[in-house]
PDB file of N, CA and C in Angstrom:
ATOM      1  N   UNK A   1      -4.935  -0.328  -1.295  1.00  0.00           N
ATOM      2  CA  UNK A   1      -5.360  -0.460   0.078  1.00  0.00           C
ATOM      3  C   UNK A   1      -4.206  -0.046   0.969  1.00  0.00           C
ATOM      4  N   UNK A   2      -4.497   0.678   1.999  1.00  0.00           N
ATOM      5  CA  UNK A   2      -3.462   1.072   2.935  1.00  0.00           C
ATOM      6  C   UNK A   2      -2.906  -0.164   3.624  1.00  0.00           C
ATOM      7  N   UNK A   3      -1.615  -0.127   3.917  1.00  0.00           N
ATOM      8  CA  UNK A   3      -1.001  -1.257   4.608  1.00  0.00           C
ATOM      9  C   UNK A   3      -1.629  -1.435   5.979  1.00  0.00           C
ATOM     10  N   UNK A   4      -1.921  -0.323   6.679  1.00  0.00           N
ATOM     11  CA  UNK A   4      -2.549  -0.406   7.985  1.00  0.00           C
ATOM     12  C   UNK A   4      -3.939  -1.012   7.867  1.00  0.00           C
ATOM     13  N   UNK A   5      -4.650  -0.682   6.816  1.00  0.00           N
ATOM     14  CA  UNK A   5      -5.971  -1.242   6.583  1.00  0.00           C
ATOM     15  C   UNK A   5      -5.884  -2.742   6.386  1.00  0.00           C
ATOM     16  N   UNK A   6      -4.886  -3.181   5.610  1.00  0.00           N
ATOM     17  CA  UNK A   6      -4.710  -4.613   5.384  1.00  0.00           C
ATOM     18  C   UNK A   6      -4.383  -5.324   6.681  1.00  0.00           C
ATOM     19  N   UNK A   7      -3.557  -4.712   7.500  1.00  0.00           N
ATOM     20  CA  UNK A   7      -3.195  -5.313   8.785  1.00  0.00           C
ATOM     21  C   UNK A   7      -4.417  -5.399   9.676  1.00  0.00           C
ATOM     22  N   UNK A   8      -5.240  -4.354   9.694  1.00  0.00           N
ATOM     23  CA  UNK A   8      -6.450  -4.373  10.506  1.00  0.00           C
ATOM     24  C   UNK A   8      -7.425  -5.437  10.036  1.00  0.00           C
ATOM     25  N   UNK A   9      -7.528  -5.633   8.715  1.00  0.00           N
ATOM     26  CA  UNK A   9      -8.415  -6.667   8.198  1.00  0.00           C
ATOM     27  C   UNK A   9      -7.933  -8.056   8.598  1.00  0.00           C
ATOM     28  N   UNK A  10      -6.626  -8.264   8.572  1.00  0.00           N
ATOM     29  CA  UNK A  10      -6.076  -9.553   8.987  1.00  0.00           C
ATOM     30  C   UNK A  10      -6.304  -9.766  10.476  1.00  0.00           C
ATOM     31  N   UNK A  11      -6.125  -8.711  11.258  1.00  0.00           N
ATOM     32  CA  UNK A  11      -6.323  -8.815  12.698  1.00  0.00           C
ATOM     33  C   UNK A  11      -7.778  -9.111  13.043  1.00  0.00           C
ATOM     34  N   UNK A  12      -8.698  -8.660  12.199  1.00  0.00           N
ATOM     35  CA  UNK A  12     -10.116  -8.874  12.467  1.00  0.00           C
ATOM     36  C   UNK A  12     -10.641 -10.163  11.858  1.00  0.00           C
ATOM     37  N   UNK A  13      -9.768 -10.968  11.283  1.00  0.00           N
ATOM     38  CA  UNK A  13     -10.191 -12.229  10.678  1.00  0.00           C
ATOM     39  C   UNK A  13     -10.706 -13.179  11.747  1.00  0.00           C
ATOM     40  N   UNK A  14     -11.593 -14.096  11.375  1.00  0.00           N
ATOM     41  CA  UNK A  14     -12.115 -15.053  12.355  1.00  0.00           C
ATOM     42  C   UNK A  14     -10.980 -15.854  12.974  1.00  0.00           C
ATOM     43  N   UNK A  15     -11.030 -15.961  14.298  1.00  0.00           N
ATOM     44  CA  UNK A  15     -10.004 -16.703  15.008  1.00  0.00           C
ATOM     45  C   UNK A  15      -8.855 -15.836  15.483  1.00  0.00           C
ATOM     46  N   UNK A  16      -8.766 -14.613  14.999  1.00  0.00           N
ATOM     47  CA  UNK A  16      -7.702 -13.719  15.434  1.00  0.00           C
ATOM     48  C   UNK A  16      -8.129 -13.032  16.715  1.00  0.00           C
ATOM     49  N   UNK A  17      -7.174 -12.774  17.578  1.00  0.00           N
ATOM     50  CA  UNK A  17      -7.437 -12.074  18.824  1.00  0.00           C
ATOM     51  C   UNK A  17      -7.361 -10.586  18.531  1.00  0.00           C
ATOM     52  N   UNK A  18      -8.446  -9.877  18.810  1.00  0.00           N
ATOM     53  CA  UNK A  18      -8.460  -8.446  18.537  1.00  0.00           C
ATOM     54  C   UNK A  18      -9.312  -7.735  19.569  1.00  0.00           C
ATOM     55  N   UNK A  19      -9.163  -6.414  19.623  1.00  0.00           N
ATOM     56  CA  UNK A  19      -9.931  -5.604  20.555  1.00  0.00           C
ATOM     57  C   UNK A  19     -11.175  -5.087  19.877  1.00  0.00           C
ATOM     58  N   UNK A  20     -12.063  -4.504  20.651  1.00  0.00           N
ATOM     59  CA  UNK A  20     -13.285  -3.943  20.106  1.00  0.00           C
ATOM     60  C   UNK A  20     -13.011  -2.791  19.156  1.00  0.00           C
ATOM     61  N   UNK A  21     -11.987  -1.980  19.468  1.00  0.00           N
ATOM     62  CA  UNK A  21     -11.644  -0.852  18.592  1.00  0.00           C
ATOM     63  C   UNK A  21     -11.176  -1.364  17.238  1.00  0.00           C
ATOM     64  N   UNK A  22     -10.404  -2.427  17.240  1.00  0.00           N
ATOM     65  CA  UNK A  22      -9.930  -2.993  15.980  1.00  0.00           C
ATOM     66  C   UNK A  22     -11.099  -3.542  15.180  1.00  0.00           C
ATOM     67  N   UNK A  23     -12.058  -4.182  15.867  1.00  0.00           N
ATOM     68  CA  UNK A  23     -13.220  -4.717  15.164  1.00  0.00           C
ATOM     69  C   UNK A  23     -14.050  -3.612  14.533  1.00  0.00           C
ATOM     70  N   UNK A  24     -14.260  -2.508  15.259  1.00  0.00           N
ATOM     71  CA  UNK A  24     -15.055  -1.424  14.682  1.00  0.00           C
ATOM     72  C   UNK A  24     -14.313  -0.765  13.532  1.00  0.00           C
ATOM     73  N   UNK A  25     -12.983  -0.626  13.644  1.00  0.00           N
ATOM     74  CA  UNK A  25     -12.190  -0.063  12.554  1.00  0.00           C
ATOM     75  C   UNK A  25     -12.219  -0.986  11.343  1.00  0.00           C
ATOM     76  N   UNK A  26     -12.118  -2.286  11.584  1.00  0.00           N
ATOM     77  CA  UNK A  26     -12.166  -3.247  10.485  1.00  0.00           C
ATOM     78  C   UNK A  26     -13.537  -3.227   9.809  1.00  0.00           C
ATOM     79  N   UNK A  27     -14.603  -3.076  10.590  1.00  0.00           N
ATOM     80  CA  UNK A  27     -15.944  -3.010  10.008  1.00  0.00           C
ATOM     81  C   UNK A  27     -16.094  -1.767   9.135  1.00  0.00           C
ATOM     82  N   UNK A  28     -15.561  -0.632   9.611  1.00  0.00           N
ATOM     83  CA  UNK A  28     -15.615   0.588   8.812  1.00  0.00           C
ATOM     84  C   UNK A  28     -14.790   0.435   7.542  1.00  0.00           C
ATOM     85  N   UNK A  29     -13.637  -0.227   7.659  1.00  0.00           N
ATOM     86  CA  UNK A  29     -12.758  -0.426   6.516  1.00  0.00           C
ATOM     87  C   UNK A  29     -13.427  -1.317   5.485  1.00  0.00           C
ATOM     88  N   UNK A  30     -14.088  -2.381   5.939  1.00  0.00           N
ATOM     89  CA  UNK A  30     -14.773  -3.280   5.009  1.00  0.00           C
ATOM     90  C   UNK A  30     -15.885  -2.548   4.278  1.00  0.00           C
ATOM     91  N   UNK A  31     -16.614  -1.689   5.003  1.00  0.00           N
ATOM     92  CA  UNK A  31     -17.689  -0.946   4.370  1.00  0.00           C
ATOM     93  C   UNK A  31     -17.142   0.026   3.337  1.00  0.00           C
ATOM     94  N   UNK A  32     -16.059   0.732   3.683  1.00  0.00           N
ATOM     95  CA  UNK A  32     -15.511   1.699   2.731  1.00  0.00           C
ATOM     96  C   UNK A  32     -14.846   0.998   1.562  1.00  0.00           C
ATOM     97  N   UNK A  33     -14.222  -0.163   1.799  1.00  0.00           N
ATOM     98  CA  UNK A  33     -13.594  -0.905   0.704  1.00  0.00           C
ATOM     99  C   UNK A  33     -14.649  -1.469  -0.240  1.00  0.00           C
ATOM    100  N   UNK A  34     -15.786  -1.884   0.306  1.00  0.00           N
ATOM    101  CA  UNK A  34     -16.848  -2.422  -0.541  1.00  0.00           C
ATOM    102  C   UNK A  34     -17.515  -1.314  -1.351  1.00  0.00           C
ATOM    103  N   UNK A  35     -17.529  -0.101  -0.820  1.00  0.00           N
ATOM    104  CA  UNK A  35     -18.201   0.993  -1.497  1.00  0.00           C
ATOM    105  C   UNK A  35     -17.326   1.631  -2.571  1.00  0.00           C
ATOM    106  N   UNK A  36     -16.000   1.492  -2.469  1.00  0.00           N
ATOM    107  CA  UNK A  36     -15.131   2.145  -3.446  1.00  0.00           C
ATOM    108  C   UNK A  36     -14.664   1.144  -4.494  1.00  0.00           C
ATOM    109  N   UNK A  37     -14.621   1.565  -5.740  1.00  0.00           N
ATOM    110  CA  UNK A  37     -14.204   0.659  -6.809  1.00  0.00           C
ATOM    111  C   UNK A  37     -12.708   0.380  -6.764  1.00  0.00           C
ATOM    112  N   UNK A  38     -12.326  -0.656  -7.461  1.00  0.00           N
ATOM    113  CA  UNK A  38     -10.933  -1.096  -7.494  1.00  0.00           C
ATOM    114  C   UNK A  38     -10.021  -0.004  -8.033  1.00  0.00           C
ATOM    115  N   UNK A  39     -10.481   0.744  -9.010  1.00  0.00           N
ATOM    116  CA  UNK A  39      -9.668   1.807  -9.609  1.00  0.00           C
ATOM    117  C   UNK A  39      -9.310   2.875  -8.579  1.00  0.00           C
ATOM    118  N   UNK A  40     -10.254   3.195  -7.682  1.00  0.00           N
ATOM    119  CA  UNK A  40      -9.970   4.180  -6.639  1.00  0.00           C
ATOM    120  C   UNK A  40      -8.903   3.663  -5.681  1.00  0.00           C
ATOM    121  N   UNK A  41      -8.966   2.385  -5.359  1.00  0.00           N
ATOM    122  CA  UNK A  41      -7.961   1.803  -4.468  1.00  0.00           C
ATOM    123  C   UNK A  41      -6.577   1.839  -5.104  1.00  0.00           C
ATOM    124  N   UNK A  42      -6.508   1.538  -6.386  1.00  0.00           N
ATOM    125  CA  UNK A  42      -5.225   1.551  -7.084  1.00  0.00           C
ATOM    126  C   UNK A  42      -4.690   2.973  -7.191  1.00  0.00           C
ATOM    127  N   UNK A  43      -5.542   3.923  -7.528  1.00  0.00           N
ATOM    128  CA  UNK A  43      -5.072   5.308  -7.648  1.00  0.00           C
ATOM    129  C   UNK A  43      -4.620   5.839  -6.295  1.00  0.00           C
ATOM    130  N   UNK A  44      -5.284   5.438  -5.220  1.00  0.00           N
ATOM    131  CA  UNK A  44      -4.862   5.824  -3.878  1.00  0.00           C
ATOM    132  C   UNK A  44      -3.494   5.224  -3.547  1.00  0.00           C
ATOM    133  N   UNK A  45      -3.298   3.974  -3.915  1.00  0.00           N
ATOM    134  CA  UNK A  45      -2.014   3.322  -3.667  1.00  0.00           C
ATOM    135  C   UNK A  45      -0.894   3.990  -4.453  1.00  0.00           C
ATOM    136  N   UNK A  46      -1.178   4.363  -5.696  1.00  0.00           N
ATOM    137  CA  UNK A  46      -0.167   5.055  -6.511  1.00  0.00           C
ATOM    138  C   UNK A  46       0.157   6.416  -5.892  1.00  0.00           C
ATOM    139  N   UNK A  47      -0.839   7.096  -5.378  1.00  0.00           N
ATOM    140  CA  UNK A  47      -0.611   8.369  -4.697  1.00  0.00           C
ATOM    141  C   UNK A  47       0.277   8.218  -3.477  1.00  0.00           C
ATOM    142  N   UNK A  48       0.060   7.148  -2.721  1.00  0.00           N
ATOM    143  CA  UNK A  48       0.898   6.889  -1.551  1.00  0.00           C
ATOM    144  C   UNK A  48       2.320   6.557  -1.959  1.00  0.00           C
ATOM    145  N   UNK A  49       2.476   5.819  -3.045  1.00  0.00           N
ATOM    146  CA  UNK A  49       3.819   5.504  -3.545  1.00  0.00           C
ATOM    147  C   UNK A  49       4.522   6.790  -3.956  1.00  0.00           C
ATOM    148  N   UNK A  50       3.806   7.691  -4.599  1.00  0.00           N
ATOM    149  CA  UNK A  50       4.391   8.974  -4.983  1.00  0.00           C
ATOM    150  C   UNK A  50       4.843   9.763  -3.764  1.00  0.00           C
ATOM    151  N   UNK A  51       4.045   9.752  -2.696  1.00  0.00           N
ATOM    152  CA  UNK A  51       4.421  10.446  -1.468  1.00  0.00           C
ATOM    153  C   UNK A  51       5.680   9.830  -0.858  1.00  0.00           C
ATOM    154  N   UNK A  52       5.750   8.496  -0.838  1.00  0.00           N
ATOM    155  CA  UNK A  52       6.928   7.826  -0.290  1.00  0.00           C
ATOM    156  C   UNK A  52       8.169   8.104  -1.134  1.00  0.00           C
ATOM    157  N   UNK A  53       8.001   8.141  -2.450  1.00  0.00           N
ATOM    158  CA  UNK A  53       9.135   8.439  -3.317  1.00  0.00           C
ATOM    159  C   UNK A  53       9.605   9.878  -3.142  1.00  0.00           C
ATOM    160  N   UNK A  54       8.679  10.800  -2.929  1.00  0.00           N
ATOM    161  CA  UNK A  54       9.053  12.191  -2.675  1.00  0.00           C
ATOM    162  C   UNK A  54       9.806  12.314  -1.354  1.00  0.00           C
ATOM    163  N   UNK A  55       9.349  11.571  -0.340  1.00  0.00           N
ATOM    164  CA  UNK A  55      10.045  11.586   0.946  1.00  0.00           C
ATOM    165  C   UNK A  55      11.442  10.990   0.818  1.00  0.00           C
ATOM    166  N   UNK A  56      11.574   9.944   0.016  1.00  0.00           N
ATOM    167  CA  UNK A  56      12.890   9.331  -0.200  1.00  0.00           C
ATOM    168  C   UNK A  56      13.807  10.290  -0.944  1.00  0.00           C
ATOM    169  N   UNK A  57      13.261  10.983  -1.923  1.00  0.00           N
ATOM    170  CA  UNK A  57      14.056  11.968  -2.671  1.00  0.00           C
ATOM    171  C   UNK A  57      14.518  13.098  -1.756  1.00  0.00           C
ATOM    172  N   UNK A  58      13.627  13.565  -0.896  1.00  0.00           N
ATOM    173  CA  UNK A  58      13.974  14.619   0.054  1.00  0.00           C
ATOM    174  C   UNK A  58      15.057  14.149   1.018  1.00  0.00           C
ATOM    175  N   UNK A  59      14.933  12.915   1.506  1.00  0.00           N
ATOM    176  CA  UNK A  59      15.934  12.372   2.426  1.00  0.00           C
ATOM    177  C   UNK A  59      17.279  12.209   1.738  1.00  0.00           C
ATOM    178  N   UNK A  60      17.280  11.749   0.496  1.00  0.00           N
ATOM    179  CA  UNK A  60      18.539  11.581  -0.233  1.00  0.00           C
ATOM    180  C   UNK A  60      19.188  12.933  -0.509  1.00  0.00           C
ATOM    181  N   UNK A  61      18.387  13.915  -0.863  1.00  0.00           N
ATOM    182  CA  UNK A  61      18.916  15.261  -1.093  1.00  0.00           C
ATOM    183  C   UNK A  61      19.479  15.840   0.201  1.00  0.00           C
ATOM    184  N   UNK A  62      18.758  15.634   1.292  1.00  0.00           N
ATOM    185  CA  UNK A  62      19.236  16.099   2.598  1.00  0.00           C
ATOM    186  C   UNK A  62      20.529  15.417   3.008  1.00  0.00           C
ATOM    187  N   UNK A  63      20.671  14.162   2.682  1.00  0.00           N
ATOM    188  CA  UNK A  63      21.895  13.430   2.995  1.00  0.00           C
ATOM    189  C   UNK A  63      23.065  13.979   2.190  1.00  0.00           C
ATOM    190  N   UNK A  64      22.825  14.241   0.908  1.00  0.00           N
ATOM    191  CA  UNK A  64      23.897  14.735   0.042  1.00  0.00           C
ATOM    192  C   UNK A  64      24.320  16.161   0.372  1.00  0.00           C
ATOM    193  N   UNK A  65      23.380  16.971   0.796  1.00  0.00           N
ATOM    194  CA  UNK A  65      23.706  18.360   1.112  1.00  0.00           C
ATOM    195  C   UNK A  65      24.196  18.523   2.545  1.00  0.00           C
ATOM    196  N   UNK A  66      24.059  17.477   3.356  1.00  0.00           N
ATOM    197  CA  UNK A  66      24.526  17.551   4.741  1.00  0.00           C
ATOM    198  C   UNK A  66      23.611  18.359   5.636  1.00  0.00           C
ATOM    199  N   UNK A  67      22.329  18.308   5.370  1.00  0.00           N
ATOM    200  CA  UNK A  67      21.372  19.099   6.154  1.00  0.00           C
ATOM    201  C   UNK A  67      20.782  18.320   7.332  1.00  0.00           C
ATOM    202  N   UNK A  68      21.549  17.428   7.916  1.00  0.00           N
ATOM    203  CA  UNK A  68      21.120  16.746   9.135  1.00  0.00           C
ATOM    204  C   UNK A  68      20.343  15.464   8.942  1.00  0.00           C
ATOM    205  N   UNK A  69      20.386  14.857   7.765  1.00  0.00           N
ATOM    206  CA  UNK A  69      19.691  13.597   7.523  1.00  0.00           C
ATOM    207  C   UNK A  69      20.693  12.459   7.694  1.00  0.00           C
ATOM    208  N   UNK A  70      20.345  11.485   8.525  1.00  0.00           N
ATOM    209  CA  UNK A  70      21.209  10.319   8.721  1.00  0.00           C
ATOM    210  C   UNK A  70      21.165   9.401   7.511  1.00  0.00           C
ATOM    211  N   UNK A  71      22.203   8.610   7.362  1.00  0.00           N
ATOM    212  CA  UNK A  71      22.229   7.591   6.307  1.00  0.00           C
ATOM    213  C   UNK A  71      21.097   6.601   6.540  1.00  0.00           C
ATOM    214  N   UNK A  72      20.866   6.277   7.813  1.00  0.00           N
ATOM    215  CA  UNK A  72      19.813   5.315   8.135  1.00  0.00           C
ATOM    216  C   UNK A  72      18.443   5.836   7.709  1.00  0.00           C
ATOM    217  N   UNK A  73      18.169   7.100   7.982  1.00  0.00           N
ATOM    218  CA  UNK A  73      16.880   7.678   7.602  1.00  0.00           C
ATOM    219  C   UNK A  73      16.692   7.669   6.088  1.00  0.00           C
ATOM    220  N   UNK A  74      17.755   8.004   5.367  1.00  0.00           N
ATOM    221  CA  UNK A  74      17.664   8.018   3.905  1.00  0.00           C
ATOM    222  C   UNK A  74      17.451   6.613   3.358  1.00  0.00           C
ATOM    223  N   UNK A  75      18.146   5.633   3.911  1.00  0.00           N
ATOM    224  CA  UNK A  75      17.988   4.254   3.449  1.00  0.00           C
ATOM    225  C   UNK A  75      16.604   3.703   3.773  1.00  0.00           C
ATOM    226  N   UNK A  76      16.105   4.012   4.950  1.00  0.00           N
ATOM    227  CA  UNK A  76      14.769   3.537   5.327  1.00  0.00           C
ATOM    228  C   UNK A  76      13.708   4.150   4.419  1.00  0.00           C
ATOM    229  N   UNK A  77      13.816   5.456   4.152  1.00  0.00           N
ATOM    230  CA  UNK A  77      12.851   6.116   3.266  1.00  0.00           C
ATOM    231  C   UNK A  77      12.929   5.537   1.860  1.00  0.00           C
ATOM    232  N   UNK A  78      14.143   5.261   1.389  1.00  0.00           N
ATOM    233  CA  UNK A  78      14.317   4.696   0.055  1.00  0.00           C
ATOM    234  C   UNK A  78      13.738   3.291  -0.028  1.00  0.00           C
ATOM    235  N   UNK A  79      13.977   2.477   0.981  1.00  0.00           N
ATOM    236  CA  UNK A  79      13.449   1.108   0.979  1.00  0.00           C
ATOM    237  C   UNK A  79      11.926   1.084   1.103  1.00  0.00           C
ATOM    238  N   UNK A  80      11.362   2.007   1.890  1.00  0.00           N
ATOM    239  CA  UNK A  80       9.898   2.088   1.978  1.00  0.00           C
ATOM    240  C   UNK A  80       9.307   2.386   0.603  1.00  0.00           C
ATOM    241  N   UNK A  81       9.910   3.356  -0.092  1.00  0.00           N
ATOM    242  CA  UNK A  81       9.414   3.715  -1.414  1.00  0.00           C
ATOM    243  C   UNK A  81       9.574   2.554  -2.385  1.00  0.00           C
ATOM    244  N   UNK A  82      10.701   1.862  -2.309  1.00  0.00           N
ATOM    245  CA  UNK A  82      10.952   0.725  -3.197  1.00  0.00           C
ATOM    246  C   UNK A  82       9.961  -0.409  -2.947  1.00  0.00           C
ATOM    247  N   UNK A  83       9.726  -0.733  -1.685  1.00  0.00           N
ATOM    248  CA  UNK A  83       8.794  -1.812  -1.359  1.00  0.00           C
ATOM    249  C   UNK A  83       7.366  -1.454  -1.766  1.00  0.00           C
ATOM    250  N   UNK A  84       6.972  -0.206  -1.548  1.00  0.00           N
ATOM    251  CA  UNK A  84       5.624   0.216  -1.932  1.00  0.00           C
ATOM    252  C   UNK A  84       5.451   0.143  -3.443  1.00  0.00           C
ATOM    253  N   UNK A  85       6.480   0.568  -4.187  1.00  0.00           N
ATOM    254  CA  UNK A  85       6.413   0.498  -5.643  1.00  0.00           C
ATOM    255  C   UNK A  85       6.302  -0.951  -6.112  1.00  0.00           C
ATOM    256  N   UNK A  86       7.099  -1.835  -5.531  1.00  0.00           N
ATOM    257  CA  UNK A  86       7.050  -3.246  -5.922  1.00  0.00           C
ATOM    258  C   UNK A  86       5.703  -3.871  -5.601  1.00  0.00           C
ATOM    259  N   UNK A  87       5.087  -3.461  -4.489  1.00  0.00           N
ATOM    260  CA  UNK A  87       3.765  -3.983  -4.137  1.00  0.00           C
ATOM    261  C   UNK A  87       2.714  -3.539  -5.151  1.00  0.00           C
ATOM    262  N   UNK A  88       2.723  -2.262  -5.504  1.00  0.00           N
ATOM    263  CA  UNK A  88       1.756  -1.758  -6.485  1.00  0.00           C
ATOM    264  C   UNK A  88       1.998  -2.406  -7.846  1.00  0.00           C
ATOM    265  N   UNK A  89       3.256  -2.594  -8.203  1.00  0.00           N
ATOM    266  CA  UNK A  89       3.579  -3.253  -9.473  1.00  0.00           C
ATOM    267  C   UNK A  89       3.085  -4.701  -9.485  1.00  0.00           C
ATOM    268  N   UNK A  90       3.241  -5.404  -8.367  1.00  0.00           N
ATOM    269  CA  UNK A  90       2.773  -6.788  -8.288  1.00  0.00           C
ATOM    270  C   UNK A  90       1.247  -6.857  -8.401  1.00  0.00           C
ATOM    271  N   UNK A  91       0.548  -5.944  -7.747  1.00  0.00           N
ATOM    272  CA  UNK A  91      -0.913  -5.915  -7.845  1.00  0.00           C
ATOM    273  C   UNK A  91      -1.328  -5.611  -9.288  1.00  0.00           C
ATOM    274  N   UNK A  92      -0.638  -4.682  -9.919  1.00  0.00           N
ATOM    275  CA  UNK A  92      -0.929  -4.354 -11.322  1.00  0.00           C
ATOM    276  C   UNK A  92      -0.739  -5.575 -12.204  1.00  0.00           C
ATOM    277  N   UNK A  93       0.375  -6.262 -12.033  1.00  0.00           N
ATOM    278  CA  UNK A  93       0.658  -7.432 -12.861  1.00  0.00           C
ATOM    279  C   UNK A  93      -0.385  -8.530 -12.658  1.00  0.00           C
ATOM    280  N   UNK A  94      -0.811  -8.740 -11.420  1.00  0.00           N
ATOM    281  CA  UNK A  94      -1.836  -9.756 -11.155  1.00  0.00           C
ATOM    282  C   UNK A  94      -3.172  -9.353 -11.768  1.00  0.00           C
ATOM    283  N   UNK A  95      -3.506  -8.071 -11.718  1.00  0.00           N
ATOM    284  CA  UNK A  95      -4.763  -7.613 -12.314  1.00  0.00           C
ATOM    285  C   UNK A  95      -4.734  -7.782 -13.827  1.00  0.00           C
ATOM    286  N   UNK A  96      -3.612  -7.465 -14.445  1.00  0.00           N
ATOM    287  CA  UNK A  96      -3.492  -7.639 -15.897  1.00  0.00           C
ATOM    288  C   UNK A  96      -3.569  -9.115 -16.256  1.00  0.00           C
ATOM    289  N   UNK A  97      -2.905  -9.955 -15.465  1.00  0.00           N
ATOM    290  CA  UNK A  97      -2.935 -11.394 -15.713  1.00  0.00           C
ATOM    291  C   UNK A  97      -4.359 -11.937 -15.577  1.00  0.00           C
ATOM    292  N   UNK A  98      -5.089 -11.487 -14.562  1.00  0.00           N
ATOM    293  CA  UNK A  98      -6.477 -11.937 -14.380  1.00  0.00           C
ATOM    294  C   UNK A  98      -7.351 -11.474 -15.541  1.00  0.00           C
ATOM    295  N   UNK A  99      -7.149 -10.248 -15.989  1.00  0.00           N
ATOM    296  CA  UNK A  99      -7.904  -9.731 -17.129  1.00  0.00           C
ATOM    297  C   UNK A  99      -7.625 -10.569 -18.373  1.00  0.00           C
ATOM    298  N   UNK A 100      -6.352 -10.884 -18.603  1.00  0.00           N
ATOM    299  CA  UNK A 100      -5.999 -11.684 -19.775  1.00  0.00           C
ATOM    300  C   UNK A 100      -6.585 -13.085 -19.687  1.00  0.00           C
ATOM    301  N   UNK A 101      -6.628 -13.649 -18.484  1.00  0.00           N
ATOM    302  CA  UNK A 101      -7.237 -14.970 -18.314  1.00  0.00           C
ATOM    303  C   UNK A 101      -8.732 -14.935 -18.628  1.00  0.00           C
ATOM    304  N   UNK A 102      -9.407 -13.909 -18.157  1.00  0.00           N
ATOM    305  CA  UNK A 102     -10.845 -13.788 -18.420  1.00  0.00           C
ATOM    306  C   UNK A 102     -11.088 -13.581 -19.908  1.00  0.00           C
ATOM    307  N   UNK A 103     -10.286 -12.749 -20.543  1.00  0.00           N
ATOM    308  CA  UNK A 103     -10.470 -12.490 -21.978  1.00  0.00           C
ATOM    309  C   UNK A 103     -10.131 -13.724 -22.819  1.00  0.00           C
ATOM    310  N   UNK A 104      -9.298 -14.607 -22.314  1.00  0.00           N
ATOM    311  CA  UNK A 104      -8.939 -15.804 -23.044  1.00  0.00           C
ATOM    312  C   UNK A 104      -9.913 -16.956 -22.876  1.00  0.00           C
ATOM    313  N   UNK A 105     -10.884 -16.792 -21.971  1.00  0.00           N
ATOM    314  CA  UNK A 105     -11.872 -17.850 -21.763  1.00  0.00           C
ATOM    315  C   UNK A 105     -12.798 -17.955 -22.959  1.00  0.00           C
ATOM    316  N   UNK A 106     -13.167 -19.192 -23.278  1.00  0.00           N
ATOM    317  CA  UNK A 106     -14.134 -19.408 -24.341  1.00  0.00           C
ATOM    318  C   UNK A 106     -15.453 -19.833 -23.732  1.00  0.00           C
ATOM    319  N   UNK A 107     -16.519 -19.217 -24.198  1.00  0.00           N
ATOM    320  CA  UNK A 107     -17.837 -19.522 -23.649  1.00  0.00           C
ATOM    321  C   UNK A 107     -18.649 -20.293 -24.632  1.00  0.00           C
TER     322      UNK A 107
END
């Protein structure tokens, strides 16, 4: 799930103060999230992590070659990629744990 999508869903939660545009965006997001399977959401998240890692690699290369990239820009790009990777890894671990719990149930 996109981070912006998650933020919009939280903003549209009952009791939250939001605008009409946020509500319509949240409604569209809920419809698209309900229509797409979990595997598509995970593959999309992995794709975004790959994009962030490529941007971090480009920033680090630019910093090392002296092509006008600030240290701050390189560090921010690297931390974004690191945080996104850790988030996807945490979701993966929770999904595996839930699967193992279901498979361990006795009926």
